[in-house]
Amino acid sequence: MVNNPSRPIPSSKVKSFRTLEEVDEWLYKDPMRCPGVLHFVEINATVISYDLQVNFTLVSIRGQFERPTFKFLMPLQIATELEGARSPA
């Protein structure tokens, strides 16, 4: 969280979950609070894997439903891959 250039992310702004089921439950209960989650898994000292999980809980906004795949998932995946490519190995 400290390597965010010139804007460290405080720990109070990061949620941590022990299991994927806890994430599912939290996303279901808070559909408008968080559009998705990025799960990091440290494979070894030089490899970090990630999974994207999008909150597909449907919420109608003025009679319209948002499409999380295009509104959130793809931009998050692109940003994650760009940051991974930019970070030193």
PDB file of N, CA and C in Angstrom:
ATOM      1  N   MET A   1       0.819  -1.191   0.000  1.00  0.00           N
ATOM      2  CA  MET A   1       0.000   0.000   0.000  1.00  0.00           C
ATOM      3  C   MET A   1       0.864   1.256   0.000  1.00  0.00           C
ATOM      4  N   VAL A   2       2.121   1.104   0.397  1.00  0.00           N
ATOM      5  CA  VAL A   2       3.003   2.251   0.453  1.00  0.00           C
ATOM      6  C   VAL A   2       3.581   2.574  -0.920  1.00  0.00           C
ATOM      7  N   ASN A   3       3.559   1.609  -1.846  1.00  0.00           N
ATOM      8  CA  ASN A   3       4.174   1.855  -3.153  1.00  0.00           C
ATOM      9  C   ASN A   3       3.241   2.554  -4.126  1.00  0.00           C
ATOM     10  N   ASN A   4       2.084   3.024  -3.687  1.00  0.00           N
ATOM     11  CA  ASN A   4       1.206   3.821  -4.533  1.00  0.00           C
ATOM     12  C   ASN A   4       1.865   5.198  -4.683  1.00  0.00           C
ATOM     13  N   PRO A   5       2.353   5.543  -5.873  1.00  0.00           N
ATOM     14  CA  PRO A   5       3.173   6.744  -6.064  1.00  0.00           C
ATOM     15  C   PRO A   5       2.536   8.005  -5.488  1.00  0.00           C
ATOM     16  N   SER A   6       3.250   8.631  -4.562  1.00  0.00           N
ATOM     17  CA  SER A   6       2.911   9.901  -3.920  1.00  0.00           C
ATOM     18  C   SER A   6       1.556   9.906  -3.203  1.00  0.00           C
ATOM     19  N   ARG A   7       0.875   8.764  -3.134  1.00  0.00           N
ATOM     20  CA  ARG A   7      -0.397   8.690  -2.415  1.00  0.00           C
ATOM     21  C   ARG A   7      -0.532   7.339  -1.732  1.00  0.00           C
ATOM     22  N   PRO A   8       0.166   7.125  -0.620  1.00  0.00           N
ATOM     23  CA  PRO A   8       0.036   5.837   0.069  1.00  0.00           C
ATOM     24  C   PRO A   8      -1.420   5.581   0.455  1.00  0.00           C
ATOM     25  N   ILE A   9      -1.838   4.332   0.370  1.00  0.00           N
ATOM     26  CA  ILE A   9      -3.207   3.957   0.725  1.00  0.00           C
ATOM     27  C   ILE A   9      -3.215   3.549   2.190  1.00  0.00           C
ATOM     28  N   PRO A  10      -4.001   4.248   3.033  1.00  0.00           N
ATOM     29  CA  PRO A  10      -4.023   3.879   4.447  1.00  0.00           C
ATOM     30  C   PRO A  10      -4.683   2.519   4.663  1.00  0.00           C
ATOM     31  N   SER A  11      -4.212   1.794   5.649  1.00  0.00           N
ATOM     32  CA  SER A  11      -4.763   0.471   5.954  1.00  0.00           C
ATOM     33  C   SER A  11      -6.255   0.521   6.222  1.00  0.00           C
ATOM     34  N   SER A  12      -6.738   1.630   6.747  1.00  0.00           N
ATOM     35  CA  SER A  12      -8.165   1.761   7.054  1.00  0.00           C
ATOM     36  C   SER A  12      -9.035   1.748   5.792  1.00  0.00           C
ATOM     37  N   LYS A  13      -8.431   1.961   4.627  1.00  0.00           N
ATOM     38  CA  LYS A  13      -9.162   1.986   3.358  1.00  0.00           C
ATOM     39  C   LYS A  13      -9.118   0.647   2.636  1.00  0.00           C
ATOM     40  N   VAL A  14      -8.464  -0.350   3.226  1.00  0.00           N
ATOM     41  CA  VAL A  14      -8.319  -1.654   2.592  1.00  0.00           C
ATOM     42  C   VAL A  14      -9.068  -2.697   3.410  1.00  0.00           C
ATOM     43  N   LYS A  15      -9.925  -3.473   2.748  1.00  0.00           N
ATOM     44  CA  LYS A  15     -10.635  -4.554   3.436  1.00  0.00           C
ATOM     45  C   LYS A  15      -9.880  -5.852   3.192  1.00  0.00           C
ATOM     46  N   SER A  16      -9.887  -6.682   4.196  1.00  0.00           N
ATOM     47  CA  SER A  16      -9.228  -7.968   4.087  1.00  0.00           C
ATOM     48  C   SER A  16     -10.208  -9.058   4.497  1.00  0.00           C
ATOM     49  N   PHE A  17     -10.201 -10.149   3.744  1.00  0.00           N
ATOM     50  CA  PHE A  17     -11.097 -11.276   4.014  1.00  0.00           C
ATOM     51  C   PHE A  17     -10.276 -12.545   4.098  1.00  0.00           C
ATOM     52  N   ARG A  18     -10.700 -13.482   4.925  1.00  0.00           N
ATOM     53  CA  ARG A  18      -9.986 -14.749   5.072  1.00  0.00           C
ATOM     54  C   ARG A  18     -10.382 -15.756   4.002  1.00  0.00           C
ATOM     55  N   THR A  19     -11.658 -15.714   3.564  1.00  0.00           N
ATOM     56  CA  THR A  19     -12.128 -16.706   2.592  1.00  0.00           C
ATOM     57  C   THR A  19     -12.909 -16.017   1.476  1.00  0.00           C
ATOM     58  N   LEU A  20     -13.039 -16.721   0.357  1.00  0.00           N
ATOM     59  CA  LEU A  20     -13.844 -16.199  -0.753  1.00  0.00           C
ATOM     60  C   LEU A  20     -15.316 -16.116  -0.356  1.00  0.00           C
ATOM     61  N   GLU A  21     -15.755 -17.002   0.527  1.00  0.00           N
ATOM     62  CA  GLU A  21     -17.148 -16.976   0.984  1.00  0.00           C
ATOM     63  C   GLU A  21     -17.446 -15.691   1.753  1.00  0.00           C
ATOM     64  N   GLU A  22     -16.476 -15.224   2.547  1.00  0.00           N
ATOM     65  CA  GLU A  22     -16.649 -13.956   3.260  1.00  0.00           C
ATOM     66  C   GLU A  22     -16.786 -12.801   2.272  1.00  0.00           C
ATOM     67  N   VAL A  23     -16.010 -12.852   1.198  1.00  0.00           N
ATOM     68  CA  VAL A  23     -16.099 -11.813   0.163  1.00  0.00           C
ATOM     69  C   VAL A  23     -17.484 -11.858  -0.488  1.00  0.00           C
ATOM     70  N   ASP A  24     -17.928 -13.044  -0.861  1.00  0.00           N
ATOM     71  CA  ASP A  24     -19.251 -13.191  -1.486  1.00  0.00           C
ATOM     72  C   ASP A  24     -20.341 -12.602  -0.594  1.00  0.00           C
ATOM     73  N   GLU A  25     -20.286 -12.941   0.673  1.00  0.00           N
ATOM     74  CA  GLU A  25     -21.301 -12.465   1.614  1.00  0.00           C
ATOM     75  C   GLU A  25     -21.274 -10.945   1.727  1.00  0.00           C
ATOM     76  N   TRP A  26     -20.080 -10.376   1.831  1.00  0.00           N
ATOM     77  CA  TRP A  26     -19.962  -8.924   1.960  1.00  0.00           C
ATOM     78  C   TRP A  26     -20.455  -8.210   0.694  1.00  0.00           C
ATOM     79  N   LEU A  27     -20.075  -8.721  -0.477  1.00  0.00           N
ATOM     80  CA  LEU A  27     -20.517  -8.110  -1.729  1.00  0.00           C
ATOM     81  C   LEU A  27     -22.033  -8.187  -1.876  1.00  0.00           C
ATOM     82  N   TYR A  28     -22.621  -9.316  -1.498  1.00  0.00           N
ATOM     83  CA  TYR A  28     -24.069  -9.479  -1.616  1.00  0.00           C
ATOM     84  C   TYR A  28     -24.809  -8.500  -0.703  1.00  0.00           C
ATOM     85  N   LYS A  29     -24.272  -8.274   0.482  1.00  0.00           N
ATOM     86  CA  LYS A  29     -24.925  -7.375   1.437  1.00  0.00           C
ATOM     87  C   LYS A  29     -24.721  -5.899   1.096  1.00  0.00           C
ATOM     88  N   ASP A  30     -23.677  -5.588   0.329  1.00  0.00           N
ATOM     89  CA  ASP A  30     -23.341  -4.203  -0.006  1.00  0.00           C
ATOM     90  C   ASP A  30     -23.208  -4.010  -1.518  1.00  0.00           C
ATOM     91  N   PRO A  31     -24.295  -4.214  -2.279  1.00  0.00           N
ATOM     92  CA  PRO A  31     -24.164  -4.194  -3.743  1.00  0.00           C
ATOM     93  C   PRO A  31     -23.750  -2.843  -4.325  1.00  0.00           C
ATOM     94  N   MET A  32     -24.070  -1.751  -3.664  1.00  0.00           N
ATOM     95  CA  MET A  32     -23.737  -0.438  -4.209  1.00  0.00           C
ATOM     96  C   MET A  32     -22.444   0.129  -3.618  1.00  0.00           C
ATOM     97  N   ARG A  33     -21.836  -0.578  -2.716  1.00  0.00           N
ATOM     98  CA  ARG A  33     -20.645  -0.064  -2.041  1.00  0.00           C
ATOM     99  C   ARG A  33     -19.352  -0.412  -2.766  1.00  0.00           C
ATOM    100  N   CYS A  34     -19.314  -1.584  -3.362  1.00  0.00           N
ATOM    101  CA  CYS A  34     -18.081  -2.055  -3.982  1.00  0.00           C
ATOM    102  C   CYS A  34     -18.409  -2.831  -5.256  1.00  0.00           C
ATOM    103  N   PRO A  35     -17.937  -2.371  -6.412  1.00  0.00           N
ATOM    104  CA  PRO A  35     -18.251  -3.074  -7.656  1.00  0.00           C
ATOM    105  C   PRO A  35     -17.431  -4.337  -7.884  1.00  0.00           C
ATOM    106  N   GLY A  36     -16.333  -4.502  -7.158  1.00  0.00           N
ATOM    107  CA  GLY A  36     -15.535  -5.702  -7.370  1.00  0.00           C
ATOM    108  C   GLY A  36     -14.376  -5.807  -6.412  1.00  0.00           C
ATOM    109  N   VAL A  37     -13.700  -6.945  -6.498  1.00  0.00           N
ATOM    110  CA  VAL A  37     -12.604  -7.250  -5.579  1.00  0.00           C
ATOM    111  C   VAL A  37     -11.431  -7.799  -6.383  1.00  0.00           C
ATOM    112  N   LEU A  38     -10.248  -7.452  -5.947  1.00  0.00           N
ATOM    113  CA  LEU A  38      -9.025  -7.956  -6.549  1.00  0.00           C
ATOM    114  C   LEU A  38      -8.339  -8.819  -5.492  1.00  0.00           C
ATOM    115  N   HIS A  39      -8.195 -10.122  -5.779  1.00  0.00           N
ATOM    116  CA  HIS A  39      -7.558 -11.065  -4.853  1.00  0.00           C
ATOM    117  C   HIS A  39      -6.122 -11.289  -5.301  1.00  0.00           C
ATOM    118  N   PHE A  40      -5.161 -11.066  -4.408  1.00  0.00           N
ATOM    119  CA  PHE A  40      -3.755 -11.323  -4.712  1.00  0.00           C
ATOM    120  C   PHE A  40      -3.297 -12.575  -3.985  1.00  0.00           C
ATOM    121  N   VAL A  41      -2.504 -13.389  -4.677  1.00  0.00           N
ATOM    122  CA  VAL A  41      -1.909 -14.578  -4.075  1.00  0.00           C
ATOM    123  C   VAL A  41      -0.420 -14.543  -4.390  1.00  0.00           C
ATOM    124  N   GLU A  42       0.400 -14.542  -3.352  1.00  0.00           N
ATOM    125  CA  GLU A  42       1.846 -14.546  -3.550  1.00  0.00           C
ATOM    126  C   GLU A  42       2.303 -15.983  -3.791  1.00  0.00           C
ATOM    127  N   ILE A  43       2.733 -16.267  -5.011  1.00  0.00           N
ATOM    128  CA  ILE A  43       3.188 -17.603  -5.394  1.00  0.00           C
ATOM    129  C   ILE A  43       4.594 -17.857  -4.851  1.00  0.00           C
ATOM    130  N   ASN A  44       5.478 -16.904  -5.094  1.00  0.00           N
ATOM    131  CA  ASN A  44       6.840 -16.947  -4.540  1.00  0.00           C
ATOM    132  C   ASN A  44       7.368 -15.518  -4.496  1.00  0.00           C
ATOM    133  N   ALA A  45       8.649 -15.356  -4.259  1.00  0.00           N
ATOM    134  CA  ALA A  45       9.224 -14.016  -4.098  1.00  0.00           C
ATOM    135  C   ALA A  45       9.115 -13.145  -5.342  1.00  0.00           C
ATOM    136  N   THR A  46       8.957 -13.751  -6.509  1.00  0.00           N
ATOM    137  CA  THR A  46       8.911 -12.960  -7.746  1.00  0.00           C
ATOM    138  C   THR A  46       7.599 -13.075  -8.511  1.00  0.00           C
ATOM    139  N   VAL A  47       6.665 -13.900  -8.037  1.00  0.00           N
ATOM    140  CA  VAL A  47       5.414 -14.111  -8.775  1.00  0.00           C
ATOM    141  C   VAL A  47       4.209 -13.861  -7.861  1.00  0.00           C
ATOM    142  N   ILE A  48       3.353 -12.955  -8.316  1.00  0.00           N
ATOM    143  CA  ILE A  48       2.087 -12.700  -7.625  1.00  0.00           C
ATOM    144  C   ILE A  48       0.968 -12.962  -8.621  1.00  0.00           C
ATOM    145  N   SER A  49       0.043 -13.803  -8.237  1.00  0.00           N
ATOM    146  CA  SER A  49      -1.119 -14.109  -9.065  1.00  0.00           C
ATOM    147  C   SER A  49      -2.293 -13.274  -8.570  1.00  0.00           C
ATOM    148  N   TYR A  50      -3.287 -13.052  -9.436  1.00  0.00           N
ATOM    149  CA  TYR A  50      -4.465 -12.321  -8.992  1.00  0.00           C
ATOM    150  C   TYR A  50      -5.721 -12.875  -9.642  1.00  0.00           C
ATOM    151  N   ASP A  51      -6.829 -12.685  -8.964  1.00  0.00           N
ATOM    152  CA  ASP A  51      -8.152 -13.023  -9.479  1.00  0.00           C
ATOM    153  C   ASP A  51      -9.033 -11.804  -9.325  1.00  0.00           C
ATOM    154  N   LEU A  52      -9.885 -11.596 -10.298  1.00  0.00           N
ATOM    155  CA  LEU A  52     -10.855 -10.507 -10.234  1.00  0.00           C
ATOM    156  C   LEU A  52     -12.221 -11.085  -9.920  1.00  0.00           C
ATOM    157  N   GLN A  53     -12.916 -10.460  -9.010  1.00  0.00           N
ATOM    158  CA  GLN A  53     -14.272 -10.889  -8.671  1.00  0.00           C
ATOM    159  C   GLN A  53     -15.165  -9.662  -8.750  1.00  0.00           C
ATOM    160  N   VAL A  54     -16.166  -9.718  -9.597  1.00  0.00           N
ATOM    161  CA  VAL A  54     -17.065  -8.584  -9.799  1.00  0.00           C
ATOM    162  C   VAL A  54     -18.362  -8.822  -9.046  1.00  0.00           C
ATOM    163  N   ASN A  55     -18.896  -7.759  -8.466  1.00  0.00           N
ATOM    164  CA  ASN A  55     -20.162  -7.833  -7.751  1.00  0.00           C
ATOM    165  C   ASN A  55     -21.289  -7.790  -8.779  1.00  0.00           C
ATOM    166  N   PHE A  56     -21.858  -8.951  -9.094  1.00  0.00           N
ATOM    167  CA  PHE A  56     -22.936  -9.032 -10.079  1.00  0.00           C
ATOM    168  C   PHE A  56     -24.314  -8.927  -9.440  1.00  0.00           C
ATOM    169  N   THR A  57     -24.377  -8.480  -8.172  1.00  0.00           N
ATOM    170  CA  THR A  57     -25.670  -8.257  -7.523  1.00  0.00           C
ATOM    171  C   THR A  57     -26.389  -7.165  -8.312  1.00  0.00           C
ATOM    172  N   LEU A  58     -27.526  -7.503  -8.899  1.00  0.00           N
ATOM    173  CA  LEU A  58     -28.224  -6.548  -9.751  1.00  0.00           C
ATOM    174  C   LEU A  58     -28.933  -5.475  -8.941  1.00  0.00           C
ATOM    175  N   VAL A  59     -28.683  -4.231  -9.324  1.00  0.00           N
ATOM    176  CA  VAL A  59     -29.343  -3.093  -8.709  1.00  0.00           C
ATOM    177  C   VAL A  59     -29.821  -2.203  -9.837  1.00  0.00           C
ATOM    178  N   SER A  60     -31.084  -1.863  -9.798  1.00  0.00           N
ATOM    179  CA  SER A  60     -31.657  -1.002 -10.833  1.00  0.00           C
ATOM    180  C   SER A  60     -31.440   0.456 -10.452  1.00  0.00           C
ATOM    181  N   ILE A  61     -30.887   1.216 -11.371  1.00  0.00           N
ATOM    182  CA  ILE A  61     -30.713   2.652 -11.188  1.00  0.00           C
ATOM    183  C   ILE A  61     -31.559   3.347 -12.236  1.00  0.00           C
ATOM    184  N   ARG A  62     -32.637   3.980 -11.785  1.00  0.00           N
ATOM    185  CA  ARG A  62     -33.596   4.649 -12.679  1.00  0.00           C
ATOM    186  C   ARG A  62     -34.104   3.702 -13.761  1.00  0.00           C
ATOM    187  N   GLY A  63     -34.351   2.471 -13.369  1.00  0.00           N
ATOM    188  CA  GLY A  63     -34.895   1.492 -14.297  1.00  0.00           C
ATOM    189  C   GLY A  63     -33.864   0.838 -15.202  1.00  0.00           C
ATOM    190  N   GLN A  64     -32.605   1.180 -15.035  1.00  0.00           N
ATOM    191  CA  GLN A  64     -31.536   0.616 -15.858  1.00  0.00           C
ATOM    192  C   GLN A  64     -30.627  -0.247 -14.994  1.00  0.00           C
ATOM    193  N   PHE A  65     -30.125  -1.328 -15.566  1.00  0.00           N
ATOM    194  CA  PHE A  65     -29.169  -2.176 -14.869  1.00  0.00           C
ATOM    195  C   PHE A  65     -27.789  -1.958 -15.471  1.00  0.00           C
ATOM    196  N   GLU A  66     -26.784  -1.780 -14.614  1.00  0.00           N
ATOM    197  CA  GLU A  66     -25.422  -1.595 -15.095  1.00  0.00           C
ATOM    198  C   GLU A  66     -24.828  -2.943 -15.505  1.00  0.00           C
ATOM    199  N   ARG A  67     -23.912  -2.898 -16.438  1.00  0.00           N
ATOM    200  CA  ARG A  67     -23.210  -4.108 -16.873  1.00  0.00           C
ATOM    201  C   ARG A  67     -21.806  -4.072 -16.274  1.00  0.00           C
ATOM    202  N   PRO A  68     -21.599  -4.787 -15.153  1.00  0.00           N
ATOM    203  CA  PRO A  68     -20.314  -4.709 -14.457  1.00  0.00           C
ATOM    204  C   PRO A  68     -19.116  -5.161 -15.287  1.00  0.00           C
ATOM    205  N   THR A  69     -19.341  -6.019 -16.265  1.00  0.00           N
ATOM    206  CA  THR A  69     -18.214  -6.493 -17.072  1.00  0.00           C
ATOM    207  C   THR A  69     -17.530  -5.337 -17.785  1.00  0.00           C
ATOM    208  N   PHE A  70     -18.304  -4.477 -18.423  1.00  0.00           N
ATOM    209  CA  PHE A  70     -17.710  -3.384 -19.194  1.00  0.00           C
ATOM    210  C   PHE A  70     -17.457  -2.145 -18.347  1.00  0.00           C
ATOM    211  N   LYS A  71     -18.262  -1.937 -17.333  1.00  0.00           N
ATOM    212  CA  LYS A  71     -18.120  -0.742 -16.511  1.00  0.00           C
ATOM    213  C   LYS A  71     -16.975  -0.872 -15.512  1.00  0.00           C
ATOM    214  N   PHE A  72     -16.719  -2.094 -15.022  1.00  0.00           N
ATOM    215  CA  PHE A  72     -15.733  -2.245 -13.963  1.00  0.00           C
ATOM    216  C   PHE A  72     -14.683  -3.323 -14.217  1.00  0.00           C
ATOM    217  N   LEU A  73     -15.098  -4.517 -14.606  1.00  0.00           N
ATOM    218  CA  LEU A  73     -14.171  -5.646 -14.711  1.00  0.00           C
ATOM    219  C   LEU A  73     -13.040  -5.389 -15.704  1.00  0.00           C
ATOM    220  N   MET A  74     -13.372  -5.002 -16.906  1.00  0.00           N
ATOM    221  CA  MET A  74     -12.329  -4.810 -17.918  1.00  0.00           C
ATOM    222  C   MET A  74     -11.372  -3.671 -17.556  1.00  0.00           C
ATOM    223  N   PRO A  75     -11.862  -2.500 -17.100  1.00  0.00           N
ATOM    224  CA  PRO A  75     -10.911  -1.454 -16.694  1.00  0.00           C
ATOM    225  C   PRO A  75     -10.014  -1.886 -15.526  1.00  0.00           C
ATOM    226  N   LEU A  76     -10.573  -2.636 -14.558  1.00  0.00           N
ATOM    227  CA  LEU A  76      -9.758  -3.101 -13.439  1.00  0.00           C
ATOM    228  C   LEU A  76      -8.705  -4.092 -13.902  1.00  0.00           C
ATOM    229  N   GLN A  77      -9.069  -4.988 -14.798  1.00  0.00           N
ATOM    230  CA  GLN A  77      -8.104  -5.967 -15.300  1.00  0.00           C
ATOM    231  C   GLN A  77      -6.978  -5.270 -16.063  1.00  0.00           C
ATOM    232  N   ILE A  78      -7.317  -4.320 -16.893  1.00  0.00           N
ATOM    233  CA  ILE A  78      -6.294  -3.590 -17.656  1.00  0.00           C
ATOM    234  C   ILE A  78      -5.369  -2.825 -16.711  1.00  0.00           C
ATOM    235  N   ALA A  79      -5.945  -2.142 -15.716  1.00  0.00           N
ATOM    236  CA  ALA A  79      -5.135  -1.387 -14.748  1.00  0.00           C
ATOM    237  C   ALA A  79      -4.212  -2.306 -13.961  1.00  0.00           C
ATOM    238  N   THR A  80      -4.722  -3.461 -13.564  1.00  0.00           N
ATOM    239  CA  THR A  80      -3.915  -4.424 -12.803  1.00  0.00           C
ATOM    240  C   THR A  80      -2.760  -4.947 -13.643  1.00  0.00           C
ATOM    241  N   GLU A  81      -3.028  -5.302 -14.883  1.00  0.00           N
ATOM    242  CA  GLU A  81      -1.968  -5.815 -15.764  1.00  0.00           C
ATOM    243  C   GLU A  81      -0.928  -4.738 -16.081  1.00  0.00           C
ATOM    244  N   LEU A  82      -1.380  -3.496 -16.289  1.00  0.00           N
ATOM    245  CA  LEU A  82      -0.436  -2.403 -16.554  1.00  0.00           C
ATOM    246  C   LEU A  82       0.448  -2.161 -15.347  1.00  0.00           C
ATOM    247  N   GLU A  83      -0.144  -2.175 -14.148  1.00  0.00           N
ATOM    248  CA  GLU A  83       0.665  -1.960 -12.937  1.00  0.00           C
ATOM    249  C   GLU A  83       1.654  -3.099 -12.743  1.00  0.00           C
ATOM    250  N   GLY A  84       1.224  -4.324 -13.019  1.00  0.00           N
ATOM    251  CA  GLY A  84       2.136  -5.461 -12.906  1.00  0.00           C
ATOM    252  C   GLY A  84       3.293  -5.374 -13.871  1.00  0.00           C
ATOM    253  N   ALA A  85       3.036  -4.885 -15.066  1.00  0.00           N
ATOM    254  CA  ALA A  85       4.093  -4.738 -16.061  1.00  0.00           C
ATOM    255  C   ALA A  85       5.037  -3.586 -15.705  1.00  0.00           C
ATOM    256  N   ARG A  86       4.511  -2.577 -15.048  1.00  0.00           N
ATOM    257  CA  ARG A  86       5.300  -1.397 -14.675  1.00  0.00           C
ATOM    258  C   ARG A  86       6.171  -1.658 -13.458  1.00  0.00           C
ATOM    259  N   SER A  87       5.712  -2.489 -12.546  1.00  0.00           N
ATOM    260  CA  SER A  87       6.425  -2.735 -11.292  1.00  0.00           C
ATOM    261  C   SER A  87       7.718  -3.484 -11.540  1.00  0.00           C
ATOM    262  N   PRO A  88       8.752  -3.125 -10.786  1.00  0.00           N
ATOM    263  CA  PRO A  88      10.028  -3.841 -10.949  1.00  0.00           C
ATOM    264  C   PRO A  88       9.903  -5.273 -10.440  1.00  0.00           C
ATOM    265  N   ALA A  89      10.588  -6.166 -11.089  1.00  0.00           N
ATOM    266  CA  ALA A  89      10.529  -7.599 -10.709  1.00  0.00           C
ATOM    267  C   ALA A  89      11.349  -7.881  -9.490  1.00  0.00           C
TER     268      ALA A  89
END
